[in-house]
Amino acid sequence: MFISLEGIDGSGKSTQARLLADRLGAEGRKVVLTREPGGSPGAEAIRRLLVEGAPDRWSPETEILLFNAARRDHLERLILPALDRGAWVVSDRFADSTRVYQGATRGDLRGLVDGLHDLVIGREPDLTVVIDMDPEIALRRGLARGSGEDRFEEFGLPFQQKLRTGFLRLAQDFPDRIRVIDGMAPADVVAERVWALM
């Protein structure tokens, strides 16, 4: 299976992706844990352009193009080969982040996002888990990491609130693929909720 974890910045999706991959591996499955933007050398180079620097560094349209370039490289070099080998792929973000971050939150660009996705990506995860969390708490957690990759956190709380709304709407748009998990519980409790979806 190809599984993506989504959510606002600081919601715990990276932790949950790692915990899920570890548990799948412990059950004897071949697992590839990856992330977006990134996951392949070319995509990691593009990642630095996207997540570092001033919030106004790129227009939403330019971000969409950069994310799709990174995602295409990631898909070709890591995701599809892993699936072809029979591995499970667990990705910390995939195309739904672009649908929400650039397609709905930074302008009405969902048509552009979906059109480019159909043209150059053409693949959805088998299952997407949205880790839902209070935006104020998630933003504090995200900024506290001090990772240097906080360009989107610097847009502030109103942006994170819009993101949360966007992810919840997306779950309504794709009910067969997207499941929403309450991320306000301790990480081990959230992990059990994610595992119950497998």
N, C-alpha and C. Protein backbone atom coordinates (compact mmCIF):
# COMPACT_ATOMS: atom_id res chain seq x y z
N MET A 1 0.83 -1.20 0.00
CA MET A 1 0.00 0.00 0.00
C MET A 1 0.87 1.25 0.00
N PHE A 2 0.31 2.31 -0.52
CA PHE A 2 0.92 3.63 -0.49
C PHE A 2 0.07 4.47 0.46
N ILE A 3 0.66 4.89 1.58
CA ILE A 3 -0.06 5.61 2.62
C ILE A 3 0.60 6.97 2.82
N SER A 4 -0.21 8.02 2.85
CA SER A 4 0.31 9.35 3.16
C SER A 4 -0.30 9.84 4.46
N LEU A 5 0.48 10.62 5.20
CA LEU A 5 -0.02 11.28 6.40
C LEU A 5 0.03 12.78 6.14
N GLU A 6 -1.07 13.45 6.48
CA GLU A 6 -1.22 14.87 6.20
C GLU A 6 -1.67 15.59 7.46
N GLY A 7 -1.57 16.91 7.41
CA GLY A 7 -2.03 17.73 8.50
C GLY A 7 -1.29 19.05 8.51
N ILE A 8 -1.72 19.92 9.39
CA ILE A 8 -1.10 21.23 9.48
C ILE A 8 0.29 21.10 10.09
N ASP A 9 1.08 22.17 10.00
CA ASP A 9 2.43 22.17 10.55
C ASP A 9 2.37 21.94 12.06
N GLY A 10 3.18 21.01 12.55
CA GLY A 10 3.24 20.74 13.98
C GLY A 10 2.17 19.79 14.48
N SER A 11 1.43 19.14 13.59
CA SER A 11 0.33 18.27 14.01
C SER A 11 0.79 16.87 14.44
N GLY A 12 2.05 16.55 14.19
CA GLY A 12 2.56 15.24 14.60
C GLY A 12 2.59 14.21 13.49
N LYS A 13 2.35 14.63 12.24
CA LYS A 13 2.30 13.65 11.16
C LYS A 13 3.65 12.98 10.91
N SER A 14 4.76 13.70 11.10
CA SER A 14 6.07 13.07 10.90
C SER A 14 6.30 11.97 11.93
N THR A 15 5.94 12.24 13.17
CA THR A 15 6.04 11.23 14.23
C THR A 15 5.17 10.03 13.91
N GLN A 16 3.93 10.29 13.47
CA GLN A 16 3.01 9.20 13.19
C GLN A 16 3.44 8.39 11.97
N ALA A 17 4.02 9.05 10.98
CA ALA A 17 4.53 8.33 9.81
C ALA A 17 5.64 7.37 10.25
N ARG A 18 6.54 7.85 11.09
CA ARG A 18 7.64 7.01 11.58
C ARG A 18 7.12 5.84 12.41
N LEU A 19 6.18 6.12 13.32
CA LEU A 19 5.63 5.05 14.16
C LEU A 19 4.90 4.00 13.32
N LEU A 20 4.17 4.45 12.30
CA LEU A 20 3.47 3.51 11.43
C LEU A 20 4.46 2.65 10.65
N ALA A 21 5.48 3.28 10.09
CA ALA A 21 6.48 2.51 9.33
C ALA A 21 7.20 1.50 10.23
N ASP A 22 7.52 1.92 11.45
CA ASP A 22 8.18 1.01 12.40
C ASP A 22 7.29 -0.20 12.70
N ARG A 23 6.00 0.06 12.89
CA ARG A 23 5.10 -1.04 13.25
C ARG A 23 4.88 -1.98 12.07
N LEU A 24 4.75 -1.43 10.88
CA LEU A 24 4.62 -2.28 9.70
C LEU A 24 5.87 -3.15 9.53
N GLY A 25 7.03 -2.55 9.73
CA GLY A 25 8.28 -3.29 9.63
C GLY A 25 8.38 -4.39 10.67
N ALA A 26 7.92 -4.09 11.88
CA ALA A 26 7.96 -5.09 12.96
C ALA A 26 7.06 -6.28 12.65
N GLU A 27 6.06 -6.06 11.80
CA GLU A 27 5.17 -7.15 11.40
C GLU A 27 5.71 -7.92 10.20
N GLY A 28 6.93 -7.57 9.77
CA GLY A 28 7.57 -8.31 8.70
C GLY A 28 7.34 -7.76 7.30
N ARG A 29 6.73 -6.61 7.20
CA ARG A 29 6.50 -6.02 5.87
C ARG A 29 7.71 -5.20 5.44
N LYS A 30 7.97 -5.19 4.15
CA LYS A 30 8.97 -4.28 3.60
C LYS A 30 8.35 -2.89 3.58
N VAL A 31 9.06 -1.91 4.14
CA VAL A 31 8.51 -0.56 4.28
C VAL A 31 9.54 0.46 3.85
N VAL A 32 9.06 1.47 3.14
CA VAL A 32 9.87 2.63 2.80
C VAL A 32 9.20 3.84 3.43
N LEU A 33 9.92 4.53 4.30
CA LEU A 33 9.43 5.76 4.94
C LEU A 33 10.04 6.93 4.19
N THR A 34 9.20 7.88 3.77
CA THR A 34 9.70 9.00 2.99
C THR A 34 8.94 10.27 3.37
N ARG A 35 9.26 11.37 2.69
CA ARG A 35 8.63 12.64 3.03
C ARG A 35 8.53 13.53 1.79
N GLU A 36 7.66 14.51 1.89
CA GLU A 36 7.55 15.54 0.85
C GLU A 36 7.50 16.91 1.51
N PRO A 37 8.05 17.93 0.83
CA PRO A 37 8.87 17.74 -0.35
C PRO A 37 10.15 17.02 0.02
N GLY A 38 10.62 16.20 -0.88
CA GLY A 38 11.83 15.44 -0.63
C GLY A 38 11.65 13.98 -0.98
N GLY A 39 12.50 13.15 -0.39
CA GLY A 39 12.40 11.71 -0.58
C GLY A 39 13.33 11.14 -1.63
N SER A 40 13.84 11.98 -2.49
CA SER A 40 14.83 11.58 -3.49
C SER A 40 15.83 12.72 -3.59
N PRO A 41 17.04 12.48 -4.10
CA PRO A 41 18.04 13.56 -4.11
C PRO A 41 17.57 14.84 -4.80
N GLY A 42 16.95 14.71 -5.96
CA GLY A 42 16.47 15.90 -6.66
C GLY A 42 15.38 16.62 -5.89
N ALA A 43 14.46 15.85 -5.32
CA ALA A 43 13.36 16.43 -4.56
C ALA A 43 13.87 17.09 -3.27
N GLU A 44 14.91 16.52 -2.66
CA GLU A 44 15.48 17.14 -1.46
C GLU A 44 16.12 18.49 -1.78
N ALA A 45 16.74 18.59 -2.96
CA ALA A 45 17.32 19.88 -3.38
C ALA A 45 16.23 20.93 -3.55
N ILE A 46 15.11 20.52 -4.12
CA ILE A 46 13.98 21.45 -4.29
C ILE A 46 13.36 21.79 -2.93
N ARG A 47 13.37 20.83 -2.01
CA ARG A 47 12.81 21.06 -0.67
C ARG A 47 13.41 22.31 -0.02
N ARG A 48 14.71 22.43 -0.12
CA ARG A 48 15.36 23.58 0.52
C ARG A 48 14.84 24.90 -0.04
N LEU A 49 14.55 24.92 -1.32
CA LEU A 49 13.99 26.13 -1.94
C LEU A 49 12.61 26.46 -1.38
N LEU A 50 11.86 25.41 -1.04
CA LEU A 50 10.47 25.60 -0.63
C LEU A 50 10.28 25.90 0.85
N VAL A 51 11.07 25.29 1.72
CA VAL A 51 10.78 25.38 3.15
C VAL A 51 11.68 26.35 3.89
N GLU A 52 12.68 26.90 3.22
CA GLU A 52 13.56 27.88 3.86
C GLU A 52 13.34 29.25 3.24
N GLY A 53 13.68 30.28 3.98
CA GLY A 53 13.58 31.65 3.46
C GLY A 53 12.33 32.36 3.91
N ALA A 54 12.15 33.55 3.38
CA ALA A 54 11.03 34.41 3.77
C ALA A 54 9.70 33.84 3.28
N PRO A 55 8.62 34.08 4.02
CA PRO A 55 7.31 33.58 3.60
C PRO A 55 6.93 34.01 2.18
N ASP A 56 7.32 35.22 1.78
CA ASP A 56 6.92 35.72 0.45
C ASP A 56 7.96 35.40 -0.63
N ARG A 57 8.82 34.43 -0.37
CA ARG A 57 9.89 34.08 -1.30
C ARG A 57 9.34 33.68 -2.67
N TRP A 58 8.23 32.93 -2.69
CA TRP A 58 7.64 32.43 -3.93
C TRP A 58 6.17 32.78 -4.00
N SER A 59 5.67 32.96 -5.19
CA SER A 59 4.22 33.09 -5.37
C SER A 59 3.60 31.70 -5.24
N PRO A 60 2.30 31.61 -4.96
CA PRO A 60 1.66 30.29 -4.90
C PRO A 60 1.82 29.50 -6.20
N GLU A 61 1.75 30.17 -7.33
CA GLU A 61 1.89 29.47 -8.61
C GLU A 61 3.29 28.86 -8.76
N THR A 62 4.31 29.62 -8.37
CA THR A 62 5.68 29.10 -8.44
C THR A 62 5.84 27.92 -7.49
N GLU A 63 5.27 28.01 -6.30
CA GLU A 63 5.33 26.90 -5.35
C GLU A 63 4.70 25.64 -5.94
N ILE A 64 3.57 25.80 -6.61
CA ILE A 64 2.90 24.64 -7.21
C ILE A 64 3.83 23.95 -8.21
N LEU A 65 4.51 24.73 -9.03
CA LEU A 65 5.43 24.15 -10.02
C LEU A 65 6.61 23.46 -9.33
N LEU A 66 7.17 24.08 -8.30
CA LEU A 66 8.29 23.48 -7.59
C LEU A 66 7.87 22.19 -6.88
N PHE A 67 6.72 22.21 -6.23
CA PHE A 67 6.25 21.00 -5.55
C PHE A 67 6.03 19.86 -6.54
N ASN A 68 5.47 20.18 -7.70
CA ASN A 68 5.23 19.13 -8.69
C ASN A 68 6.53 18.59 -9.27
N ALA A 69 7.53 19.45 -9.45
CA ALA A 69 8.83 18.98 -9.92
C ALA A 69 9.44 18.03 -8.88
N ALA A 70 9.39 18.42 -7.61
CA ALA A 70 9.91 17.55 -6.55
C ALA A 70 9.13 16.25 -6.48
N ARG A 71 7.81 16.34 -6.57
CA ARG A 71 6.96 15.15 -6.43
C ARG A 71 7.19 14.19 -7.59
N ARG A 72 7.36 14.70 -8.79
CA ARG A 72 7.59 13.82 -9.94
C ARG A 72 8.90 13.03 -9.75
N ASP A 73 9.95 13.71 -9.32
CA ASP A 73 11.22 13.04 -9.09
C ASP A 73 11.07 11.99 -7.99
N HIS A 74 10.38 12.34 -6.92
CA HIS A 74 10.13 11.44 -5.80
C HIS A 74 9.37 10.20 -6.26
N LEU A 75 8.34 10.42 -7.07
CA LEU A 75 7.50 9.33 -7.57
C LEU A 75 8.33 8.37 -8.45
N GLU A 76 9.10 8.95 -9.39
CA GLU A 76 9.87 8.14 -10.33
C GLU A 76 11.00 7.37 -9.65
N ARG A 77 11.69 8.02 -8.74
CA ARG A 77 12.92 7.44 -8.21
C ARG A 77 12.75 6.65 -6.92
N LEU A 78 11.64 6.90 -6.19
CA LEU A 78 11.50 6.20 -4.91
C LEU A 78 10.16 5.49 -4.78
N ILE A 79 9.05 6.20 -4.94
CA ILE A 79 7.74 5.63 -4.62
C ILE A 79 7.37 4.47 -5.54
N LEU A 80 7.38 4.70 -6.85
CA LEU A 80 6.96 3.64 -7.78
C LEU A 80 7.90 2.44 -7.74
N PRO A 81 9.23 2.64 -7.71
CA PRO A 81 10.10 1.45 -7.59
C PRO A 81 9.85 0.66 -6.30
N ALA A 82 9.59 1.35 -5.20
CA ALA A 82 9.32 0.65 -3.94
C ALA A 82 8.04 -0.17 -4.03
N LEU A 83 6.99 0.44 -4.59
CA LEU A 83 5.72 -0.28 -4.75
C LEU A 83 5.89 -1.47 -5.69
N ASP A 84 6.69 -1.29 -6.76
CA ASP A 84 6.93 -2.38 -7.70
C ASP A 84 7.66 -3.54 -7.04
N ARG A 85 8.48 -3.27 -6.01
CA ARG A 85 9.19 -4.31 -5.27
C ARG A 85 8.30 -4.98 -4.23
N GLY A 86 7.08 -4.46 -4.07
CA GLY A 86 6.17 -5.03 -3.08
C GLY A 86 6.27 -4.40 -1.71
N ALA A 87 6.95 -3.26 -1.61
CA ALA A 87 7.08 -2.58 -0.31
C ALA A 87 5.86 -1.71 -0.05
N TRP A 88 5.63 -1.46 1.22
CA TRP A 88 4.67 -0.45 1.63
C TRP A 88 5.41 0.88 1.64
N VAL A 89 4.77 1.92 1.17
CA VAL A 89 5.36 3.26 1.19
C VAL A 89 4.54 4.12 2.14
N VAL A 90 5.21 4.69 3.14
CA VAL A 90 4.58 5.61 4.09
C VAL A 90 5.22 6.97 3.87
N SER A 91 4.42 7.94 3.45
CA SER A 91 4.95 9.26 3.13
C SER A 91 4.39 10.34 4.05
N ASP A 92 5.30 11.10 4.60
CA ASP A 92 4.96 12.29 5.38
C ASP A 92 4.66 13.39 4.36
N ARG A 93 3.39 13.53 4.01
CA ARG A 93 2.83 14.43 3.00
C ARG A 93 2.91 13.83 1.60
N PHE A 94 1.95 14.27 0.77
CA PHE A 94 1.96 14.00 -0.66
C PHE A 94 1.13 15.10 -1.32
N ALA A 95 0.41 14.80 -2.37
CA ALA A 95 -0.26 15.83 -3.17
C ALA A 95 -1.34 16.60 -2.42
N ASP A 96 -1.94 16.00 -1.41
CA ASP A 96 -3.00 16.71 -0.68
C ASP A 96 -2.47 17.97 -0.01
N SER A 97 -1.21 17.98 0.39
CA SER A 97 -0.65 19.20 0.96
C SER A 97 -0.65 20.33 -0.06
N THR A 98 -0.30 20.03 -1.30
CA THR A 98 -0.31 21.06 -2.34
C THR A 98 -1.74 21.52 -2.60
N ARG A 99 -2.69 20.58 -2.59
CA ARG A 99 -4.09 20.96 -2.79
C ARG A 99 -4.55 21.97 -1.73
N VAL A 100 -4.08 21.77 -0.50
CA VAL A 100 -4.51 22.65 0.59
C VAL A 100 -3.63 23.89 0.69
N TYR A 101 -2.32 23.72 0.77
CA TYR A 101 -1.43 24.87 1.00
C TYR A 101 -1.49 25.87 -0.15
N GLN A 102 -1.35 25.40 -1.39
CA GLN A 102 -1.32 26.33 -2.51
C GLN A 102 -2.67 26.41 -3.21
N GLY A 103 -3.41 25.31 -3.23
CA GLY A 103 -4.65 25.28 -4.00
C GLY A 103 -5.82 25.97 -3.34
N ALA A 104 -5.85 25.99 -2.01
CA ALA A 104 -7.01 26.55 -1.33
C ALA A 104 -6.67 27.69 -0.38
N THR A 105 -5.47 27.69 0.17
CA THR A 105 -5.15 28.62 1.24
C THR A 105 -4.48 29.89 0.75
N ARG A 106 -3.69 29.79 -0.30
CA ARG A 106 -2.95 30.95 -0.79
C ARG A 106 -3.54 31.48 -2.08
N GLY A 107 -4.80 31.20 -2.31
CA GLY A 107 -5.49 31.65 -3.51
C GLY A 107 -6.41 30.55 -3.98
N ASP A 108 -7.25 30.85 -4.94
CA ASP A 108 -8.18 29.87 -5.47
C ASP A 108 -7.52 29.16 -6.64
N LEU A 109 -6.57 28.29 -6.33
CA LEU A 109 -5.74 27.66 -7.36
C LEU A 109 -5.93 26.15 -7.43
N ARG A 110 -7.00 25.66 -6.86
CA ARG A 110 -7.23 24.21 -6.83
C ARG A 110 -7.30 23.63 -8.24
N GLY A 111 -7.88 24.34 -9.18
CA GLY A 111 -7.96 23.85 -10.55
C GLY A 111 -6.58 23.66 -11.15
N LEU A 112 -5.68 24.61 -10.91
CA LEU A 112 -4.31 24.50 -11.40
C LEU A 112 -3.59 23.33 -10.74
N VAL A 113 -3.75 23.21 -9.43
CA VAL A 113 -3.12 22.11 -8.69
C VAL A 113 -3.59 20.76 -9.23
N ASP A 114 -4.90 20.60 -9.37
CA ASP A 114 -5.44 19.31 -9.84
C ASP A 114 -5.06 19.03 -11.29
N GLY A 115 -5.05 20.07 -12.13
CA GLY A 115 -4.68 19.88 -13.52
C GLY A 115 -3.25 19.43 -13.68
N LEU A 116 -2.33 20.08 -12.96
CA LEU A 116 -0.92 19.67 -13.01
C LEU A 116 -0.72 18.28 -12.43
N HIS A 117 -1.45 17.99 -11.34
CA HIS A 117 -1.34 16.65 -10.74
C HIS A 117 -1.74 15.59 -11.75
N ASP A 118 -2.84 15.82 -12.45
CA ASP A 118 -3.30 14.84 -13.44
C ASP A 118 -2.28 14.68 -14.56
N LEU A 119 -1.64 15.77 -14.97
CA LEU A 119 -0.69 15.74 -16.09
C LEU A 119 0.64 15.08 -15.73
N VAL A 120 1.19 15.39 -14.56
CA VAL A 120 2.56 14.97 -14.28
C VAL A 120 2.71 13.98 -13.13
N ILE A 121 1.69 13.80 -12.31
CA ILE A 121 1.79 12.86 -11.19
C ILE A 121 0.86 11.66 -11.44
N GLY A 122 -0.42 11.89 -11.52
CA GLY A 122 -1.37 10.85 -11.89
C GLY A 122 -1.49 9.71 -10.91
N ARG A 123 -1.09 9.91 -9.68
CA ARG A 123 -1.13 8.85 -8.67
C ARG A 123 -1.60 9.42 -7.35
N GLU A 124 -2.50 8.71 -6.69
CA GLU A 124 -2.94 9.07 -5.34
C GLU A 124 -2.52 7.97 -4.38
N PRO A 125 -2.34 8.29 -3.12
CA PRO A 125 -2.12 7.22 -2.13
C PRO A 125 -3.33 6.30 -2.06
N ASP A 126 -3.11 5.08 -1.59
CA ASP A 126 -4.23 4.17 -1.34
C ASP A 126 -5.03 4.63 -0.13
N LEU A 127 -4.33 5.22 0.83
CA LEU A 127 -4.95 5.72 2.06
C LEU A 127 -4.22 6.98 2.49
N THR A 128 -4.98 7.98 2.87
CA THR A 128 -4.41 9.21 3.43
C THR A 128 -5.01 9.42 4.81
N VAL A 129 -4.14 9.63 5.79
CA VAL A 129 -4.57 9.89 7.16
C VAL A 129 -4.25 11.34 7.48
N VAL A 130 -5.29 12.11 7.78
CA VAL A 130 -5.12 13.50 8.20
C VAL A 130 -5.08 13.53 9.73
N ILE A 131 -3.97 14.02 10.29
CA ILE A 131 -3.86 14.18 11.73
C ILE A 131 -4.39 15.57 12.05
N ASP A 132 -5.57 15.62 12.66
CA ASP A 132 -6.24 16.89 12.94
C ASP A 132 -5.85 17.39 14.32
N MET A 133 -5.56 18.68 14.41
CA MET A 133 -5.09 19.24 15.67
C MET A 133 -5.45 20.70 15.77
N ASP A 134 -5.57 21.19 16.99
CA ASP A 134 -5.81 22.60 17.23
C ASP A 134 -4.67 23.42 16.62
N PRO A 135 -4.97 24.37 15.71
CA PRO A 135 -3.91 25.10 15.02
C PRO A 135 -2.99 25.90 15.93
N GLU A 136 -3.52 26.44 17.02
CA GLU A 136 -2.68 27.24 17.92
C GLU A 136 -1.62 26.36 18.59
N ILE A 137 -2.03 25.19 19.05
CA ILE A 137 -1.09 24.27 19.70
C ILE A 137 -0.08 23.74 18.68
N ALA A 138 -0.57 23.39 17.51
CA ALA A 138 0.32 22.86 16.47
C ALA A 138 1.34 23.90 16.04
N LEU A 139 0.93 25.15 15.92
CA LEU A 139 1.85 26.20 15.51
C LEU A 139 2.95 26.40 16.55
N ARG A 140 2.57 26.39 17.84
CA ARG A 140 3.57 26.50 18.91
C ARG A 140 4.58 25.37 18.81
N ARG A 141 4.08 24.16 18.59
CA ARG A 141 4.96 22.99 18.47
C ARG A 141 5.87 23.12 17.26
N GLY A 142 5.30 23.54 16.15
CA GLY A 142 6.07 23.66 14.92
C GLY A 142 7.19 24.68 15.03
N LEU A 143 6.89 25.83 15.62
CA LEU A 143 7.90 26.87 15.77
C LEU A 143 8.95 26.49 16.81
N ALA A 144 8.55 25.73 17.82
CA ALA A 144 9.47 25.32 18.88
C ALA A 144 10.55 24.38 18.38
N ARG A 145 10.30 23.70 17.26
CA ARG A 145 11.30 22.77 16.73
C ARG A 145 12.58 23.50 16.33
N GLY A 146 12.43 24.76 15.86
CA GLY A 146 13.60 25.53 15.45
C GLY A 146 14.40 24.84 14.36
N SER A 147 13.72 24.23 13.40
CA SER A 147 14.39 23.41 12.39
C SER A 147 15.01 24.24 11.27
N GLY A 148 14.64 25.51 11.17
CA GLY A 148 15.08 26.32 10.04
C GLY A 148 14.20 26.11 8.82
N GLU A 149 13.28 25.15 8.91
CA GLU A 149 12.34 24.87 7.82
C GLU A 149 10.95 25.34 8.24
N ASP A 150 10.86 26.60 8.63
CA ASP A 150 9.60 27.08 9.19
C ASP A 150 8.97 28.20 8.35
N ARG A 151 9.24 28.17 7.05
CA ARG A 151 8.71 29.21 6.18
C ARG A 151 7.19 29.27 6.24
N PHE A 152 6.52 28.13 6.25
CA PHE A 152 5.06 28.13 6.26
C PHE A 152 4.50 28.47 7.64
N GLU A 153 5.20 28.08 8.71
CA GLU A 153 4.76 28.46 10.05
C GLU A 153 4.78 29.97 10.21
N GLU A 154 5.71 30.64 9.52
CA GLU A 154 5.84 32.09 9.65
C GLU A 154 4.68 32.86 9.03
N PHE A 155 3.81 32.18 8.29
CA PHE A 155 2.59 32.84 7.82
C PHE A 155 1.62 33.11 8.98
N GLY A 156 1.81 32.43 10.11
CA GLY A 156 1.04 32.73 11.32
C GLY A 156 -0.19 31.88 11.54
N LEU A 157 -0.88 32.17 12.65
CA LEU A 157 -2.03 31.38 13.08
C LEU A 157 -3.20 31.41 12.09
N PRO A 158 -3.58 32.57 11.54
CA PRO A 158 -4.70 32.55 10.59
C PRO A 158 -4.46 31.61 9.42
N PHE A 159 -3.21 31.55 8.96
CA PHE A 159 -2.87 30.63 7.87
C PHE A 159 -3.06 29.18 8.30
N GLN A 160 -2.59 28.84 9.52
CA GLN A 160 -2.74 27.47 10.01
C GLN A 160 -4.22 27.11 10.19
N GLN A 161 -5.03 28.07 10.61
CA GLN A 161 -6.46 27.82 10.75
C GLN A 161 -7.09 27.52 9.39
N LYS A 162 -6.67 28.27 8.36
CA LYS A 162 -7.17 28.00 7.01
C LYS A 162 -6.73 26.62 6.53
N LEU A 163 -5.49 26.27 6.86
CA LEU A 163 -4.99 24.94 6.48
C LEU A 163 -5.85 23.84 7.08
N ARG A 164 -6.15 23.98 8.36
CA ARG A 164 -6.96 22.94 9.02
C ARG A 164 -8.30 22.80 8.33
N THR A 165 -8.95 23.93 8.05
CA THR A 165 -10.23 23.89 7.35
C THR A 165 -10.07 23.22 5.99
N GLY A 166 -8.97 23.53 5.30
CA GLY A 166 -8.73 22.94 3.99
C GLY A 166 -8.58 21.43 4.03
N PHE A 167 -7.85 20.93 5.02
CA PHE A 167 -7.67 19.48 5.13
C PHE A 167 -8.99 18.79 5.47
N LEU A 168 -9.79 19.40 6.34
CA LEU A 168 -11.08 18.79 6.68
C LEU A 168 -12.02 18.77 5.48
N ARG A 169 -11.98 19.83 4.68
CA ARG A 169 -12.80 19.85 3.46
C ARG A 169 -12.32 18.80 2.46
N LEU A 170 -11.03 18.65 2.37
CA LEU A 170 -10.47 17.65 1.45
C LEU A 170 -10.93 16.25 1.85
N ALA A 171 -11.01 15.99 3.14
CA ALA A 171 -11.49 14.69 3.61
C ALA A 171 -12.93 14.46 3.17
N GLN A 172 -13.71 15.52 3.09
CA GLN A 172 -15.09 15.40 2.58
C GLN A 172 -15.10 15.15 1.08
N ASP A 173 -14.12 15.73 0.37
CA ASP A 173 -14.04 15.55 -1.09
C ASP A 173 -13.62 14.14 -1.48
N PHE A 174 -12.81 13.47 -0.64
CA PHE A 174 -12.27 12.15 -0.96
C PHE A 174 -12.56 11.17 0.18
N PRO A 175 -13.84 10.92 0.47
CA PRO A 175 -14.16 10.08 1.64
C PRO A 175 -13.70 8.63 1.51
N ASP A 176 -13.49 8.15 0.30
CA ASP A 176 -13.05 6.76 0.14
C ASP A 176 -11.57 6.59 0.44
N ARG A 177 -10.81 7.67 0.38
CA ARG A 177 -9.36 7.59 0.55
C ARG A 177 -8.87 8.26 1.83
N ILE A 178 -9.50 9.34 2.26
CA ILE A 178 -8.98 10.13 3.38
C ILE A 178 -9.75 9.86 4.66
N ARG A 179 -8.99 9.60 5.72
CA ARG A 179 -9.55 9.43 7.06
C ARG A 179 -8.95 10.49 7.98
N VAL A 180 -9.75 11.04 8.86
CA VAL A 180 -9.31 12.07 9.80
C VAL A 180 -9.18 11.44 11.18
N ILE A 181 -8.02 11.67 11.81
CA ILE A 181 -7.73 11.16 13.16
C ILE A 181 -7.54 12.36 14.08
N ASP A 182 -8.11 12.31 15.27
CA ASP A 182 -7.90 13.35 16.27
C ASP A 182 -6.47 13.25 16.78
N GLY A 183 -5.69 14.30 16.54
CA GLY A 183 -4.29 14.29 16.92
C GLY A 183 -3.99 14.94 18.26
N MET A 184 -5.02 15.27 19.03
CA MET A 184 -4.82 15.97 20.30
C MET A 184 -4.44 15.04 21.45
N ALA A 185 -4.49 13.74 21.23
CA ALA A 185 -4.14 12.77 22.27
C ALA A 185 -2.63 12.55 22.28
N PRO A 186 -2.10 11.85 23.30
CA PRO A 186 -0.67 11.49 23.29
C PRO A 186 -0.31 10.70 22.03
N ALA A 187 0.96 10.77 21.63
CA ALA A 187 1.40 10.18 20.38
C ALA A 187 1.09 8.69 20.28
N ASP A 188 1.22 7.95 21.40
CA ASP A 188 0.96 6.51 21.33
C ASP A 188 -0.52 6.22 21.10
N VAL A 189 -1.40 7.07 21.64
CA VAL A 189 -2.84 6.90 21.44
C VAL A 189 -3.18 7.21 19.98
N VAL A 190 -2.61 8.29 19.45
CA VAL A 190 -2.84 8.63 18.05
C VAL A 190 -2.33 7.50 17.16
N ALA A 191 -1.18 6.93 17.51
CA ALA A 191 -0.62 5.82 16.71
C ALA A 191 -1.57 4.64 16.66
N GLU A 192 -2.23 4.34 17.77
CA GLU A 192 -3.20 3.23 17.78
C GLU A 192 -4.39 3.55 16.88
N ARG A 193 -4.81 4.81 16.87
CA ARG A 193 -5.92 5.21 15.99
C ARG A 193 -5.53 5.08 14.53
N VAL A 194 -4.30 5.43 14.21
CA VAL A 194 -3.81 5.28 12.83
C VAL A 194 -3.74 3.80 12.48
N TRP A 195 -3.20 2.99 13.38
CA TRP A 195 -3.04 1.57 13.12
C TRP A 195 -4.39 0.88 12.88
N ALA A 196 -5.42 1.35 13.57
CA ALA A 196 -6.75 0.76 13.40
C ALA A 196 -7.29 0.92 11.98
N LEU A 197 -6.71 1.84 11.20
CA LEU A 197 -7.15 2.04 9.82
C LEU A 197 -6.49 1.07 8.84
N MET A 198 -5.46 0.37 9.29
CA MET A 198 -4.72 -0.51 8.37
C MET A 198 -5.50 -1.78 8.06
